Amino acid sequence: MKGSIMFTIARRGVLGLGAGAAALALAGAGRKARAVDPVEVRVGFIPVTGVSQLFVLNGLGWAEEKGLKLTLTQFASGPNLIQAVASGGIDAYFAGVGPLIVARQKGVGVKVVAATAVEEVAVLGGKKVAEAVAKGGTIAEAFAAVAKDLGRPVKIATQPKGSVPQTMLLYWIRKVAKIDDASVEVVPLGIEETQQALLAGGVEAATVREPAITVVMEKNPDIRILVTGGQILPNQPGSVFGLTEAFIEKAPAAAQSLVDLTVKATDLLNKDPKSAAPLVNAVLGKGLLSVETVEKALVSPGSKFAADPESILESTGIFQDFQLEIGAIDKVGDLTQLFDASYYKKAVGK
């Protein structure tokens, strides 16, 4: 009986509202419902630890707490991902900076709003190459000797033209190691295919990023690091977080939240990689890697996490100049038009 009386009182309270008050109440309820609707973000990424911030901020539910609904799609390489960005199918980009430079020059509206990692790309050599390098002398002499022994150029696997691994490989061959072009054959493959080719002996060397560096060397101890990312180019630009200008215009608050969370995730990766490892493994491991292997990859020389986009401007300029030299781009663009550090600065209170 008491419950019936209370229901009647409540019902009369609602029905007793005037038409204007009722309309305002309904409008307020509608606004409240719309305010909590999540912002959908279509995120493309490549499977490397250099974009681990994405896996952390999504895996810990930080994005959801900020009202963001992320849909993650994996791509085999940055150039493949940028095609999806150009066609309007992706809002956020977690991959190498190289394809973004190419895309911007072709009129694709995209901005680098944060860095994620530097000095990722290393060159690994199989047993034959590693032993030749270990004998002493220059790397150029070692590659020439292996090529002579094979009766053909040394095959080096890397990612497609315009990618960071491909650009850095050619930079190393021509500017650092100064290997005769006749001694090498560059083989463009996807990220996972590169790893498989090196392990299977289909190529003698490869440009590899974490966690593949750790995985490959665990599976085959004869494979060695010939040169680290920092030895190829100090502060080598690598993976970055980019957003389309269309998404930024449509959801500026969401864009800022994503950068805030990327900075927060970078801090966690640098201070507590052990906690981050299961989150990264959940995406990259695919049930094939152990958490211990991923944790090892997160603290290797190939995993240097950094969020400040301006910190890689100078090295990206060197990178872009070389892209022009090898024909990956037609002209050198103004990187300040590609990079937008304002979101990062707001995130860290600058």
Foldseek 3Di string as FASTA:
>chain_A
DVVVVVVVVVVCVLVVDDPVVNVVVVVVVVVVVVVLQAAEFEEEEEQFCLQLLVLVCVVVCVLVVVRHDYDYDYDQAPLVVVVCQQVVNGFKYWWWCQNLQQVVLVPFFKAFQWAWFFQFKFKKFALQLVVLVVVDDASQVSLQVVCVVVVAAAEEEEADQRGLFVLLVVLCCCPNRVHDPRRYDYHHDTQVVNLVCCLVVVGGMYIHGPPSVLVSCVVPVSMDTPGTSCSSPNRHGIITMMGGPVVCVVCVVSVLSSLLSSVVSLVCLVPPVLVSLVSSCVPNVVVPDDSVSSSVSSPDPSHGTGIQPVVCPVNVQVSQVSCCVVVVHVDRDDCVSRYDHPSVCVSVVD
